[in-house]
Amino acid sequence: MHQPPLVGWLLVLLCAGTGVYCLLRAHRGPAAQRVAARGEGLMALGMAVMGLPASAVPPPAWSPWLFTAAFGAAGVWALTHRHLHHAVGAWAMVYMTLAMAVPAGGMRHDGPMGAMTHAAPGGVPLLTGLLLAYYTVYVLAAGLRLVPASGAVAGAPVVDGPVVATASGPAGVLRACRLTMGIAMLAMLLAL
């Protein structure tokens, strides 16, 4: 990723914290929410590893292919279980991994281990733009869903689709995790 080291570390902390929190919360609530929380947690941890600044932790030359395989498998799993947003996220990670592995300006070898680094930003501008638009709309909508309705009474249930929970309950936490990961995805796409 092409971001200043501080931004990279903040992205890593955000994703790692979200991943650990989601995995810890995966032990509560209905079965569907537990599965979703596990998926969110694992995706966030994968994003944290992928976001590590290369200046601090040089990635091995084979890491893009490992990320491609892992996120590709997650995308296929999400499609087979009809989790469209998870599939979009996983395939966006595959896209960014491949864009980093084969950037438009080529690759150069740096360091004693021959680590691959970017010579220039990669990616297809139209696809990057579509993903940026998708995640911008997603983050704005997810943020609005976290805000209680103006007439809501404190502690009253908040209805969001088929899930009814209090704003601080498991569904609210899962929504907050998704919002956090959407923001992290926007940051990664902007750094591409």
Protein backbone atom coordinates (compact mmCIF):
# COMPACT_ATOMS: atom_id res chain seq x y z
CA MET A 1 0.00 0.00 0.00
CA HIS A 2 1.18 3.54 -0.73
CA GLN A 3 0.47 5.43 2.47
CA PRO A 4 2.63 7.16 5.07
CA PRO A 5 3.80 4.76 7.80
CA LEU A 6 1.59 6.41 10.44
CA VAL A 7 -1.52 5.92 8.30
CA GLY A 8 -0.48 2.32 7.66
CA TRP A 9 -0.08 1.63 11.37
CA LEU A 10 -3.41 3.29 12.19
CA LEU A 11 -5.06 1.12 9.53
CA VAL A 12 -3.43 -1.98 11.02
CA LEU A 13 -4.56 -1.06 14.55
CA LEU A 14 -8.10 -0.26 13.38
CA CYS A 15 -8.46 -3.53 11.49
CA ALA A 16 -6.74 -5.68 14.11
CA GLY A 17 -8.82 -4.18 16.93
CA THR A 18 -12.01 -4.67 14.94
CA GLY A 19 -11.05 -8.24 14.07
CA VAL A 20 -10.26 -9.25 17.63
CA TYR A 21 -13.40 -7.55 18.95
CA CYS A 22 -15.62 -9.22 16.36
CA LEU A 23 -14.11 -12.63 17.10
CA LEU A 24 -14.66 -12.11 20.82
CA ARG A 25 -18.29 -11.08 20.17
CA ALA A 26 -18.79 -14.13 17.92
CA HIS A 27 -19.64 -16.20 21.00
CA ARG A 28 -22.91 -14.33 21.68
CA GLY A 29 -26.18 -13.81 19.91
CA PRO A 30 -28.10 -15.85 17.34
CA ALA A 31 -26.24 -18.30 15.09
CA ALA A 32 -26.48 -16.04 12.02
CA GLN A 33 -24.89 -13.15 13.91
CA ARG A 34 -22.12 -15.39 15.25
CA VAL A 35 -21.24 -16.56 11.72
CA ALA A 36 -21.30 -12.97 10.46
CA ALA A 37 -19.12 -11.79 13.37
CA ARG A 38 -16.57 -14.55 12.67
CA GLY A 39 -16.47 -13.60 9.00
CA GLU A 40 -16.06 -9.91 9.83
CA GLY A 41 -13.34 -10.71 12.36
CA LEU A 42 -11.31 -12.88 10.01
CA MET A 43 -11.65 -10.37 7.18
CA ALA A 44 -10.52 -7.54 9.47
CA LEU A 45 -7.48 -9.52 10.63
CA GLY A 46 -6.58 -10.26 7.00
CA MET A 47 -6.88 -6.56 6.20
CA ALA A 48 -4.63 -5.76 9.18
CA VAL A 49 -1.93 -8.11 7.93
CA MET A 50 -2.22 -6.77 4.38
CA GLY A 51 -2.02 -3.18 5.63
CA LEU A 52 1.28 -3.63 7.48
CA PRO A 53 3.70 -0.93 6.24
CA ALA A 54 6.36 -2.54 4.04
CA SER A 55 9.01 -0.27 5.59
CA ALA A 56 8.47 -1.92 8.98
CA VAL A 57 7.67 -5.48 7.93
CA PRO A 58 8.95 -6.31 4.44
CA PRO A 59 6.47 -8.72 2.86
CA PRO A 60 7.82 -11.92 1.35
CA ALA A 61 7.68 -12.15 -2.46
CA TRP A 62 4.96 -14.83 -2.23
CA SER A 63 2.62 -12.83 0.05
CA PRO A 64 0.47 -11.35 -2.77
CA TRP A 65 -0.38 -14.85 -3.97
CA LEU A 66 -1.22 -15.99 -0.44
CA PHE A 67 -3.55 -12.98 0.02
CA THR A 68 -5.10 -13.64 -3.40
CA ALA A 69 -5.81 -17.26 -2.50
CA ALA A 70 -7.14 -16.47 0.99
CA PHE A 71 -9.38 -13.57 -0.01
CA GLY A 72 -10.46 -15.37 -3.19
CA ALA A 73 -11.58 -18.36 -1.13
CA ALA A 74 -13.40 -16.01 1.25
CA GLY A 75 -15.15 -14.40 -1.73
CA VAL A 76 -16.29 -17.76 -3.09
CA TRP A 77 -17.54 -18.79 0.37
CA ALA A 78 -19.44 -15.50 0.71
CA LEU A 79 -21.07 -15.94 -2.69
CA THR A 80 -22.13 -19.50 -1.93
CA HIS A 81 -23.70 -18.32 1.34
CA ARG A 82 -25.34 -15.29 -0.34
CA HIS A 83 -23.38 -12.67 1.59
CA LEU A 84 -23.00 -10.19 -1.26
CA HIS A 85 -21.28 -7.44 0.75
CA HIS A 86 -18.70 -9.91 2.10
CA ALA A 87 -18.10 -11.16 -1.44
CA VAL A 88 -17.56 -7.59 -2.70
CA GLY A 89 -15.12 -6.98 0.16
CA ALA A 90 -13.18 -10.17 -0.44
CA TRP A 91 -12.95 -9.58 -4.19
CA ALA A 92 -11.91 -5.95 -3.56
CA MET A 93 -9.06 -7.31 -1.44
CA VAL A 94 -8.12 -9.72 -4.25
CA TYR A 95 -8.16 -6.79 -6.69
CA MET A 96 -5.93 -4.66 -4.45
CA THR A 97 -3.55 -7.54 -3.86
CA LEU A 98 -3.18 -8.18 -7.58
CA ALA A 99 -2.82 -4.44 -8.26
CA MET A 100 0.00 -4.34 -5.72
CA ALA A 101 1.63 -7.47 -7.15
CA VAL A 102 1.58 -6.24 -10.75
CA PRO A 103 1.38 -2.42 -10.69
CA ALA A 104 1.13 -0.35 -13.86
CA GLY A 105 4.78 0.76 -13.62
CA GLY A 106 6.14 -2.72 -12.97
CA MET A 107 7.99 -4.09 -9.97
CA ARG A 108 11.47 -3.54 -8.61
CA HIS A 109 13.49 -5.66 -6.20
CA ASP A 110 14.67 -3.97 -3.01
CA GLY A 111 16.40 -5.20 0.08
CA PRO A 112 18.55 -8.21 0.88
CA MET A 113 15.62 -10.63 0.62
CA GLY A 114 14.67 -9.36 -2.84
CA ALA A 115 11.30 -8.07 -1.59
CA MET A 116 9.01 -6.76 -4.30
CA THR A 117 7.90 -3.13 -4.02
CA HIS A 118 5.80 -0.88 -6.20
CA ALA A 119 7.45 1.11 -8.94
CA ALA A 120 4.17 2.98 -9.56
CA PRO A 121 0.56 2.75 -8.46
CA GLY A 122 -1.41 -0.05 -10.05
CA GLY A 123 -5.00 -0.93 -10.61
CA VAL A 124 -7.67 -0.19 -13.15
CA PRO A 125 -8.94 3.37 -12.56
CA LEU A 126 -12.55 2.55 -13.49
CA LEU A 127 -12.70 -0.46 -11.15
CA THR A 128 -10.98 1.47 -8.37
CA GLY A 129 -13.50 4.30 -8.86
CA LEU A 130 -16.45 1.89 -8.72
CA LEU A 131 -15.14 0.31 -5.52
CA LEU A 132 -14.53 3.75 -3.99
CA ALA A 133 -18.10 4.76 -4.86
CA TYR A 134 -19.51 1.51 -3.43
CA TYR A 135 -17.62 1.84 -0.15
CA THR A 136 -18.36 5.56 0.18
CA VAL A 137 -22.10 4.88 -0.12
CA TYR A 138 -21.78 1.85 2.17
CA VAL A 139 -19.92 3.80 4.89
CA LEU A 140 -22.39 6.68 4.79
CA ALA A 141 -25.39 4.33 4.92
CA ALA A 142 -23.83 2.19 7.68
CA GLY A 143 -23.05 5.31 9.72
CA LEU A 144 -26.63 6.52 9.37
CA ARG A 145 -27.96 3.12 10.48
CA LEU A 146 -25.95 3.42 13.71
CA VAL A 147 -27.60 6.73 14.61
CA PRO A 148 -30.85 6.09 16.50
CA ALA A 149 -34.06 7.48 15.03
CA SER A 150 -34.91 10.99 16.27
CA GLY A 151 -37.96 9.73 18.17
CA ALA A 152 -36.22 6.70 19.67
CA VAL A 153 -36.22 6.30 23.42
CA ALA A 154 -32.91 5.39 25.08
CA GLY A 155 -32.72 1.62 25.50
CA ALA A 156 -35.61 0.95 23.12
CA PRO A 157 -35.06 -1.65 20.40
CA VAL A 158 -33.74 -0.41 17.07
CA VAL A 159 -35.16 -2.25 14.07
CA ASP A 160 -32.79 -2.83 11.15
CA GLY A 161 -34.16 -5.33 8.66
CA PRO A 162 -34.79 -8.75 10.19
CA VAL A 163 -32.60 -8.05 13.24
CA VAL A 164 -34.06 -6.34 16.30
CA ALA A 165 -31.56 -5.34 18.94
CA THR A 166 -30.69 -2.46 21.22
CA ALA A 167 -28.18 -0.01 19.75
CA SER A 168 -25.47 -1.37 22.05
CA GLY A 169 -26.39 -5.04 21.54
CA PRO A 170 -24.71 -7.59 19.27
CA ALA A 171 -26.33 -6.32 16.07
CA GLY A 172 -25.19 -2.76 16.82
CA VAL A 173 -21.65 -3.93 17.47
CA LEU A 174 -21.66 -5.94 14.24
CA ARG A 175 -22.84 -2.85 12.34
CA ALA A 176 -20.05 -0.80 13.95
CA CYS A 177 -17.50 -3.44 12.93
CA ARG A 178 -18.76 -3.33 9.35
CA LEU A 179 -18.57 0.46 9.35
CA THR A 180 -14.99 0.33 10.64
CA MET A 181 -13.99 -2.16 7.96
CA GLY A 182 -15.69 -0.06 5.28
CA ILE A 183 -13.64 2.95 6.36
CA ALA A 184 -10.47 0.84 6.30
CA MET A 185 -11.36 -0.43 2.82
CA LEU A 186 -11.77 3.17 1.62
CA ALA A 187 -8.33 4.02 3.03
CA MET A 188 -6.76 1.01 1.29
CA LEU A 189 -8.43 1.83 -2.02
CA LEU A 190 -7.29 5.46 -1.81
CA ALA A 191 -3.74 4.25 -1.20
CA LEU A 192 -3.79 2.03 -4.30
